[in-house]
Amino acid sequence: MEETGRKPTAHLPLAPDTVVVSSGRPPREHDAPVNPPIVLSSTFHGSGPVVDGDRAYGRYSNVSWDPFEAALAELEGAELPALLFSSGLAAASAAMELVPPGGVLVIPRHAYQGSLVMATELAAKGIFELRVVDIAETEQVVAALAGVSVLWLESPTNPMLEIADVPALVSAAKAANPEAVVVMDNTFATPLVQRPLAWGVDVVLHSVTKYLAGHSDVVLGALVTSNAALRAKLLHHRSIHGGIAGPFEAWLALRGLRTLALRVERSQASAGILAERLLGHPGVEAVRYPGLPSDPGHQRASAQMVGFGSIVCFQVPGGEAAATEVVDRLALWTPATSLGGVESLVERRRRHSNEPRTVPENLLRLSVGIENVEDLWADLSQALGAVQDRLGS
């Protein structure tokens, strides 16, 4: 398989915000393209026995996946290429199959909704034992690790933005079972904000749909690991279950990745400003953002993250009706699910019937985009003010 990516040079290593631009490029040859091309082929030449590393067929490998897989691996500090999947949930499905039949999966009570639903359904079928924990309560998690097969981490969590003590939990899982696998969803933070493999996490999960692609126009997922045996299992799952990416989607994701550093820098800065202003607004009941000194996860986030991410959650007085009214009164913020795009999105999370009951009915999740922060605040302020005036009348 042809190697993709930049060649080592004397000035390596490069900073992550350079890697997003430089990695996954074609070899520097005369008249070669600067950007990798889209390769549209369902099959590849070959007549002898098929061996590991052969492309052979489009379900096993694709030239158009390689650049993105190389770039993401470099960003996460992995020693092996990442694996691109058709969706974040397809990637989660592959990672969840690492739990052996009759094994134990420990998972946060707040996490990517698809992962929670999948885990609950598989446990209901008796495939494995499921233990749901408050991932921010380290002692509670450690107590649940007896006999653990897979510890599933997410930090910050979706949507409550809880922060796990990741290094401590990785150590505890390995102490409970040296063969335990630790999977961590790094979608919210991105590898620019934290790199879980450096803490001993075995497999990192991304919904590429979100920040990595960044333009709300593709649905993709990815897994990253430096463990060759685990990667082989995950690759086998992708090949046999068929959750593969299309070449156009892979190309778009790589194109989006090129601006990841700029997008995260802008949106993260704006998120901090908005969180502080929301905290002081009389029409706001509570704010969750790990960048706030008053946030329960602030100390851990400061130690583990480079920045605090671009997701802000807040609650408004008046319950579900008031939260829905705030959304309806917004003009610039787009009412939609998902996150991580250039546009700012807002959503009342409990509008989803399978959202955990521990998520408040009046909680709104903001995915802060790259618009002017004063315009974003003006829109939020007018909506909150209007609802506050109505409730006070």
Protein backbone atom coordinates (compact mmCIF):
# COMPACT_ATOMS: atom_id res chain seq x y z
CA MET A 1 0.00 0.00 0.00
CA GLU A 2 1.43 3.37 -0.98
CA GLU A 3 2.58 5.50 1.93
CA THR A 4 0.72 8.79 2.34
CA GLY A 5 1.84 11.81 4.33
CA ARG A 6 4.77 14.15 4.72
CA LYS A 7 8.31 12.84 5.03
CA PRO A 8 10.38 13.29 8.21
CA THR A 9 12.52 16.41 8.18
CA ALA A 10 15.17 17.89 10.43
CA HIS A 11 12.78 20.32 12.13
CA LEU A 12 10.21 17.77 13.32
CA PRO A 13 8.11 17.43 15.35
CA LEU A 14 5.66 20.00 14.05
CA ALA A 15 3.02 21.75 16.10
CA PRO A 16 -0.53 20.35 15.79
CA ASP A 17 -1.82 23.45 14.02
CA THR A 18 0.82 22.84 11.36
CA VAL A 19 0.06 19.11 11.15
CA VAL A 20 -3.56 19.75 10.18
CA VAL A 21 -2.27 21.55 7.09
CA SER A 22 0.81 19.53 6.24
CA SER A 23 -0.10 15.90 6.90
CA GLY A 24 -1.75 13.57 4.40
CA ARG A 25 -0.18 15.25 1.36
CA PRO A 26 0.96 13.42 -1.80
CA PRO A 27 4.72 12.87 -2.31
CA ARG A 28 6.60 15.97 -3.50
CA GLU A 29 7.27 15.05 -7.10
CA HIS A 30 7.45 17.20 -10.20
CA ASP A 31 3.94 18.03 -11.46
CA ALA A 32 2.33 16.01 -8.66
CA PRO A 33 -0.88 17.46 -7.17
CA VAL A 34 -0.64 19.40 -3.95
CA ASN A 35 -3.88 17.83 -2.72
CA PRO A 36 -4.59 14.09 -2.83
CA PRO A 37 -7.04 13.18 -5.59
CA ILE A 38 -10.39 11.43 -5.19
CA VAL A 39 -10.04 7.84 -6.41
CA LEU A 40 -13.31 6.35 -7.65
CA SER A 41 -12.80 2.62 -7.92
CA SER A 42 -14.63 -0.24 -6.28
CA THR A 43 -11.87 -2.75 -7.03
CA PHE A 44 -8.12 -2.91 -7.63
CA HIS A 45 -5.79 -4.90 -9.89
CA GLY A 46 -4.54 -8.24 -8.58
CA SER A 47 -4.33 -11.89 -9.62
CA GLY A 48 -2.32 -13.73 -6.98
CA PRO A 49 -3.31 -14.62 -3.40
CA VAL A 50 -4.69 -11.69 -1.45
CA VAL A 51 -2.39 -10.85 1.47
CA ASP A 52 -2.56 -8.32 4.26
CA GLY A 53 -1.95 -4.86 2.88
CA ASP A 54 -3.46 -5.54 -0.55
CA ARG A 55 -6.25 -3.19 -1.51
CA ALA A 56 -8.04 -5.84 -3.56
CA TYR A 57 -11.57 -4.48 -3.05
CA GLY A 58 -13.14 -1.19 -2.10
CA ARG A 59 -14.58 -2.52 1.15
CA TYR A 60 -11.10 -3.35 2.43
CA SER A 61 -9.20 -0.24 1.43
CA ASN A 62 -9.41 2.90 -0.65
CA VAL A 63 -6.73 5.31 -1.84
CA SER A 64 -8.96 8.22 -0.81
CA TRP A 65 -9.08 7.12 2.84
CA ASP A 66 -5.31 7.05 3.33
CA PRO A 67 -4.53 10.79 3.56
CA PHE A 68 -7.16 11.47 6.22
CA GLU A 69 -6.22 8.37 8.18
CA ALA A 70 -2.56 9.41 8.12
CA ALA A 71 -3.32 12.98 9.20
CA LEU A 72 -5.61 12.00 12.08
CA ALA A 73 -3.12 9.45 13.37
CA GLU A 74 -0.40 12.09 13.39
CA LEU A 75 -2.64 14.54 15.22
CA GLU A 76 -3.50 11.98 17.91
CA GLY A 77 0.10 10.84 18.24
CA ALA A 78 -0.68 7.31 17.03
CA GLU A 79 1.92 4.97 15.59
CA LEU A 80 -0.53 3.39 13.13
CA PRO A 81 -2.91 4.91 10.58
CA ALA A 82 -6.40 5.73 11.82
CA LEU A 83 -9.44 3.84 10.55
CA LEU A 84 -12.17 5.83 8.82
CA PHE A 85 -15.79 4.65 9.16
CA SER A 86 -19.09 5.58 7.55
CA SER A 87 -20.28 7.36 10.72
CA GLY A 88 -19.34 8.01 14.30
CA LEU A 89 -21.81 5.34 15.34
CA ALA A 90 -20.24 2.83 12.94
CA ALA A 91 -16.90 3.54 14.61
CA ALA A 92 -18.52 3.17 18.05
CA SER A 93 -20.03 -0.16 16.96
CA ALA A 94 -16.59 -1.48 16.02
CA ALA A 95 -15.10 -0.30 19.32
CA MET A 96 -17.96 -1.78 21.35
CA GLU A 97 -17.32 -5.18 19.78
CA LEU A 98 -14.05 -5.22 21.73
CA VAL A 99 -16.19 -6.22 24.73
CA PRO A 100 -16.11 -10.04 24.69
CA PRO A 101 -19.34 -12.04 25.13
CA GLY A 102 -20.15 -12.06 28.83
CA GLY A 103 -17.69 -9.25 29.48
CA VAL A 104 -18.19 -5.97 31.32
CA LEU A 105 -18.56 -2.53 29.75
CA VAL A 106 -18.31 0.52 32.01
CA ILE A 107 -19.71 3.65 30.36
CA PRO A 108 -20.61 7.21 31.44
CA ARG A 109 -24.25 8.00 32.17
CA HIS A 110 -23.86 11.05 29.94
CA ALA A 111 -22.19 10.37 26.60
CA TYR A 112 -22.81 10.35 22.87
CA GLN A 113 -26.44 9.29 22.64
CA GLY A 114 -25.82 6.63 20.00
CA SER A 115 -23.15 4.94 22.11
CA LEU A 116 -25.43 4.83 25.15
CA VAL A 117 -28.39 3.44 23.20
CA MET A 118 -26.22 0.82 21.50
CA ALA A 119 -24.66 -0.28 24.78
CA THR A 120 -28.07 -0.50 26.47
CA GLU A 121 -29.53 -2.59 23.65
CA LEU A 122 -26.57 -4.98 23.51
CA ALA A 123 -26.66 -5.44 27.29
CA ALA A 124 -30.43 -6.11 27.14
CA LYS A 125 -29.68 -8.98 24.74
CA GLY A 126 -27.30 -10.47 27.29
CA ILE A 127 -24.19 -9.91 25.19
CA PHE A 128 -22.32 -8.20 28.01
CA GLU A 129 -22.85 -6.63 31.42
CA LEU A 130 -23.32 -2.86 31.39
CA ARG A 131 -22.34 -0.61 34.29
CA VAL A 132 -23.32 3.05 33.97
CA VAL A 133 -21.37 5.55 36.07
CA ASP A 134 -20.94 9.24 36.73
CA ILE A 135 -17.59 9.59 34.98
CA ALA A 136 -16.69 12.71 37.00
CA GLU A 137 -16.90 10.73 40.27
CA THR A 138 -13.59 8.88 40.19
CA GLU A 139 -14.24 6.71 43.26
CA GLN A 140 -17.59 5.58 41.84
CA VAL A 141 -15.96 4.62 38.54
CA VAL A 142 -13.11 2.76 40.23
CA ALA A 143 -15.63 0.80 42.31
CA ALA A 144 -17.37 -0.30 39.10
CA LEU A 145 -14.18 -1.59 37.44
CA ALA A 146 -14.06 -5.07 38.97
CA GLY A 147 -13.77 -7.51 36.07
CA VAL A 148 -13.96 -4.70 33.50
CA SER A 149 -13.41 -5.63 29.84
CA VAL A 150 -13.80 -2.18 28.28
CA LEU A 151 -13.84 1.19 30.03
CA TRP A 152 -15.58 3.72 27.81
CA LEU A 153 -14.60 7.31 28.51
CA GLU A 154 -15.93 10.62 27.30
CA SER A 155 -14.57 13.92 28.60
CA PRO A 156 -16.07 16.47 28.34
CA THR A 157 -19.31 14.48 28.34
CA ASN A 158 -22.24 15.13 26.05
CA PRO A 159 -24.15 17.22 26.98
CA MET A 160 -23.35 17.83 30.66
CA LEU A 161 -19.66 18.66 30.04
CA GLU A 162 -18.42 16.61 32.99
CA ILE A 163 -14.64 16.13 33.12
CA ALA A 164 -13.14 12.74 33.93
CA ASP A 165 -9.81 12.22 35.63
CA VAL A 166 -8.63 10.32 32.58
CA PRO A 167 -5.10 9.33 33.68
CA ALA A 168 -6.40 8.04 37.02
CA LEU A 169 -9.21 6.04 35.42
CA VAL A 170 -6.91 4.50 32.82
CA SER A 171 -4.55 3.37 35.58
CA ALA A 172 -7.45 2.00 37.64
CA ALA A 173 -8.87 0.04 34.70
CA LYS A 174 -5.49 -1.55 33.94
CA ALA A 175 -5.04 -2.38 37.62
CA ALA A 176 -8.46 -4.03 37.74
CA ASN A 177 -7.71 -6.03 34.58
CA PRO A 178 -4.38 -5.77 32.74
CA GLU A 179 -6.17 -6.92 29.58
CA ALA A 180 -8.86 -4.23 29.83
CA VAL A 181 -9.27 -1.93 26.84
CA VAL A 182 -9.87 1.79 27.38
CA VAL A 183 -11.84 3.57 24.65
CA MET A 184 -12.25 7.34 24.74
CA ASP A 185 -14.54 9.52 22.66
CA ASN A 186 -12.50 12.63 21.86
CA THR A 187 -15.07 14.29 19.58
CA PHE A 188 -15.79 17.32 21.77
CA ALA A 189 -12.17 18.19 22.53
CA THR A 190 -10.45 17.20 19.24
CA PRO A 191 -6.75 16.21 19.26
CA LEU A 192 -5.87 19.91 19.36
CA VAL A 193 -7.26 20.17 22.89
CA GLN A 194 -6.33 16.75 24.31
CA ARG A 195 -4.58 13.58 23.13
CA PRO A 196 -5.88 10.58 25.08
CA LEU A 197 -3.32 8.08 23.75
CA ALA A 198 -0.67 9.94 25.75
CA TRP A 199 -2.57 8.99 28.94
CA GLY A 200 -2.60 5.28 28.07
CA VAL A 201 -6.00 5.18 26.37
CA ASP A 202 -6.03 2.28 23.89
CA VAL A 203 -8.54 3.47 21.28
CA VAL A 204 -9.68 7.03 20.50
CA LEU A 205 -13.08 7.55 18.88
CA HIS A 206 -14.15 10.52 16.75
CA SER A 207 -17.35 11.52 15.10
CA VAL A 208 -15.55 13.03 12.12
CA THR A 209 -18.88 14.62 11.19
CA LYS A 210 -18.28 17.19 13.92
CA TYR A 211 -15.11 19.29 14.38
CA LEU A 212 -12.70 17.33 12.21
CA ALA A 213 -14.72 17.78 9.00
CA GLY A 214 -16.24 20.96 10.41
CA HIS A 215 -18.77 22.03 7.78
CA SER A 216 -21.91 20.01 8.54
CA ASP A 217 -21.77 18.33 5.14
CA VAL A 218 -20.42 14.81 5.74
CA VAL A 219 -21.22 11.91 8.10
CA LEU A 220 -18.09 9.96 9.07
CA GLY A 221 -16.38 8.40 12.07
CA ALA A 222 -12.87 7.27 12.95
CA LEU A 223 -10.90 5.15 15.40
CA VAL A 224 -7.25 5.67 16.30
CA THR A 225 -4.92 3.28 18.12
CA SER A 226 -1.23 2.44 18.38
CA ASN A 227 -2.01 -1.18 19.31
CA ALA A 228 -1.54 -3.37 16.21
CA ALA A 229 -3.69 -6.23 17.55
CA LEU A 230 -6.57 -3.92 18.41
CA ARG A 231 -6.30 -2.17 15.06
CA ALA A 232 -6.49 -5.52 13.28
CA LYS A 233 -9.72 -6.35 15.14
CA LEU A 234 -11.23 -2.96 14.33
CA LEU A 235 -10.19 -3.21 10.68
CA HIS A 236 -11.72 -6.68 10.46
CA HIS A 237 -14.98 -5.32 11.87
CA ARG A 238 -15.02 -2.52 9.31
CA SER A 239 -14.29 -4.88 6.42
CA ILE A 240 -16.84 -7.52 7.41
CA HIS A 241 -19.64 -5.27 8.69
CA GLY A 242 -19.20 -2.82 5.82
CA GLY A 243 -19.25 0.51 7.65
CA ILE A 244 -16.90 2.11 5.15
CA ALA A 245 -16.48 5.71 4.06
CA GLY A 246 -17.10 6.98 0.55
CA PRO A 247 -14.18 8.58 -1.29
CA PHE A 248 -15.98 11.93 -1.68
CA GLU A 249 -16.74 12.06 2.04
CA ALA A 250 -13.14 11.21 2.93
CA TRP A 251 -11.87 13.95 0.63
CA LEU A 252 -14.26 16.50 2.12
CA ALA A 253 -13.23 15.53 5.63
CA LEU A 254 -9.57 16.07 4.80
CA ARG A 255 -10.42 19.41 3.23
CA GLY A 256 -12.24 20.41 6.40
CA LEU A 257 -9.39 19.23 8.60
CA ARG A 258 -7.05 21.78 7.01
CA THR A 259 -8.80 24.62 8.89
CA LEU A 260 -9.39 22.74 12.16
CA ALA A 261 -6.86 24.77 14.15
CA LEU A 262 -8.29 28.10 13.03
CA ARG A 263 -11.87 26.99 13.61
CA VAL A 264 -11.18 25.62 17.09
CA GLU A 265 -9.15 28.67 18.08
CA ARG A 266 -11.98 31.02 17.07
CA SER A 267 -14.91 28.99 18.38
CA GLN A 268 -13.20 28.14 21.66
CA ALA A 269 -12.39 31.79 22.35
CA SER A 270 -15.98 32.79 21.64
CA ALA A 271 -17.33 29.97 23.81
CA GLY A 272 -15.39 31.31 26.79
CA ILE A 273 -16.76 34.81 26.29
CA LEU A 274 -20.34 33.60 25.91
CA ALA A 275 -20.11 31.32 28.95
CA GLU A 276 -18.97 34.20 31.15
CA ARG A 277 -21.77 36.45 29.90
CA LEU A 278 -24.40 33.75 30.31
CA LEU A 279 -23.22 33.17 33.86
CA GLY A 280 -24.03 36.78 34.68
CA HIS A 281 -27.34 36.98 32.82
CA PRO A 282 -30.46 37.21 35.04
CA GLY A 283 -32.40 35.05 32.58
CA VAL A 284 -30.03 32.10 33.05
CA GLU A 285 -30.38 29.55 35.84
CA ALA A 286 -27.08 27.66 35.48
CA VAL A 287 -24.13 27.41 33.08
CA ARG A 288 -21.83 24.46 32.34
CA TYR A 289 -18.50 25.20 30.70
CA PRO A 290 -15.20 23.78 31.97
CA GLY A 291 -13.45 27.08 31.29
CA LEU A 292 -15.42 28.81 34.05
CA PRO A 293 -13.56 28.82 37.39
CA SER A 294 -16.88 27.98 39.08
CA ASP A 295 -17.43 24.88 36.94
CA PRO A 296 -17.01 21.56 38.82
CA GLY A 297 -14.65 20.27 36.14
CA HIS A 298 -12.51 23.39 35.81
CA GLN A 299 -9.49 22.18 37.78
CA ARG A 300 -9.27 18.86 35.90
CA ALA A 301 -9.86 20.49 32.56
CA SER A 302 -7.10 23.01 33.23
CA ALA A 303 -4.70 20.15 33.94
CA GLN A 304 -5.72 17.90 31.05
CA MET A 305 -6.80 20.15 28.21
CA VAL A 306 -5.24 22.87 26.06
CA GLY A 307 -8.26 25.16 26.20
CA PHE A 308 -11.78 24.19 27.18
CA GLY A 309 -13.61 23.37 23.95
CA SER A 310 -16.40 25.12 22.08
CA ILE A 311 -19.53 23.64 23.68
CA VAL A 312 -21.48 25.61 26.29
CA CYS A 313 -24.59 24.37 28.08
CA PHE A 314 -27.00 26.44 30.14
CA GLN A 315 -30.41 26.22 31.79
CA VAL A 316 -33.17 28.81 31.85
CA PRO A 317 -35.94 29.30 34.44
CA GLY A 318 -39.34 28.12 33.29
CA GLY A 319 -38.58 24.56 32.31
CA GLU A 320 -39.08 22.95 28.93
CA ALA A 321 -41.45 25.60 27.59
CA ALA A 322 -39.10 28.48 28.36
CA ALA A 323 -36.09 26.65 26.89
CA THR A 324 -38.03 25.91 23.72
CA GLU A 325 -39.13 29.54 23.49
CA VAL A 326 -35.53 30.75 23.74
CA VAL A 327 -34.60 28.51 20.82
CA ASP A 328 -37.57 29.71 18.78
CA ARG A 329 -36.69 33.38 19.37
CA LEU A 330 -33.10 33.01 18.13
CA ALA A 331 -32.39 34.37 14.65
CA LEU A 332 -28.65 33.79 14.13
CA TRP A 333 -28.18 30.57 16.09
CA THR A 334 -29.42 27.60 14.07
CA PRO A 335 -31.78 25.21 15.90
CA ALA A 336 -30.37 21.81 14.95
CA THR A 337 -28.69 18.75 16.37
CA SER A 338 -25.01 17.89 15.85
CA LEU A 339 -22.12 20.23 16.57
CA GLY A 340 -18.64 21.29 15.53
CA GLY A 341 -19.51 23.09 12.29
CA VAL A 342 -18.62 26.63 11.28
CA GLU A 343 -22.17 27.72 12.09
CA SER A 344 -23.41 28.10 15.67
CA LEU A 345 -26.09 25.59 16.66
CA VAL A 346 -28.49 25.45 19.59
CA GLU A 347 -30.56 22.54 20.83
CA ARG A 348 -32.72 21.55 23.78
CA ARG A 349 -31.27 18.11 24.29
CA ARG A 350 -34.28 16.54 25.98
CA ARG A 351 -36.27 16.96 22.77
CA HIS A 352 -34.74 13.56 21.94
CA SER A 353 -36.83 10.82 23.54
CA ASN A 354 -33.81 8.65 24.39
CA GLU A 355 -31.74 11.40 26.00
CA PRO A 356 -30.89 10.38 29.62
CA ARG A 357 -33.46 11.52 32.18
CA THR A 358 -30.63 13.05 34.22
CA VAL A 359 -30.27 15.75 31.55
CA PRO A 360 -32.49 18.68 32.64
CA GLU A 361 -35.53 19.49 30.50
CA ASN A 362 -34.50 23.15 30.36
CA LEU A 363 -30.89 22.54 29.29
CA LEU A 364 -29.76 24.12 26.03
CA ARG A 365 -26.56 23.01 24.32
CA LEU A 366 -24.65 25.57 22.29
CA SER A 367 -22.17 24.54 19.64
CA VAL A 368 -20.28 27.79 19.15
CA GLY A 369 -19.22 28.45 15.57
CA ILE A 370 -16.95 31.03 14.01
CA GLU A 371 -19.32 33.97 13.60
CA ASN A 372 -18.61 37.31 15.27
CA VAL A 373 -19.02 36.76 18.99
CA GLU A 374 -20.86 40.05 19.53
CA ASP A 375 -23.46 39.05 16.97
CA LEU A 376 -23.87 35.69 18.68
CA TRP A 377 -24.26 37.34 22.07
CA ALA A 378 -26.73 39.94 20.80
CA ASP A 379 -28.95 37.16 19.48
CA LEU A 380 -28.75 35.15 22.70
CA SER A 381 -29.34 38.22 24.83
CA GLN A 382 -32.46 39.33 22.98
CA ALA A 383 -33.99 35.84 23.15
CA LEU A 384 -33.22 35.42 26.85
CA GLY A 385 -34.47 38.94 27.60
CA ALA A 386 -37.76 38.36 25.81
CA VAL A 387 -38.44 35.12 27.69
CA GLN A 388 -37.39 36.69 30.98
CA ASP A 389 -39.78 39.60 30.41
CA ARG A 390 -42.65 37.24 29.66
CA LEU A 391 -41.99 35.10 32.73
CA GLY A 392 -41.76 38.20 34.90
CA SER A 393 -44.99 39.72 33.66
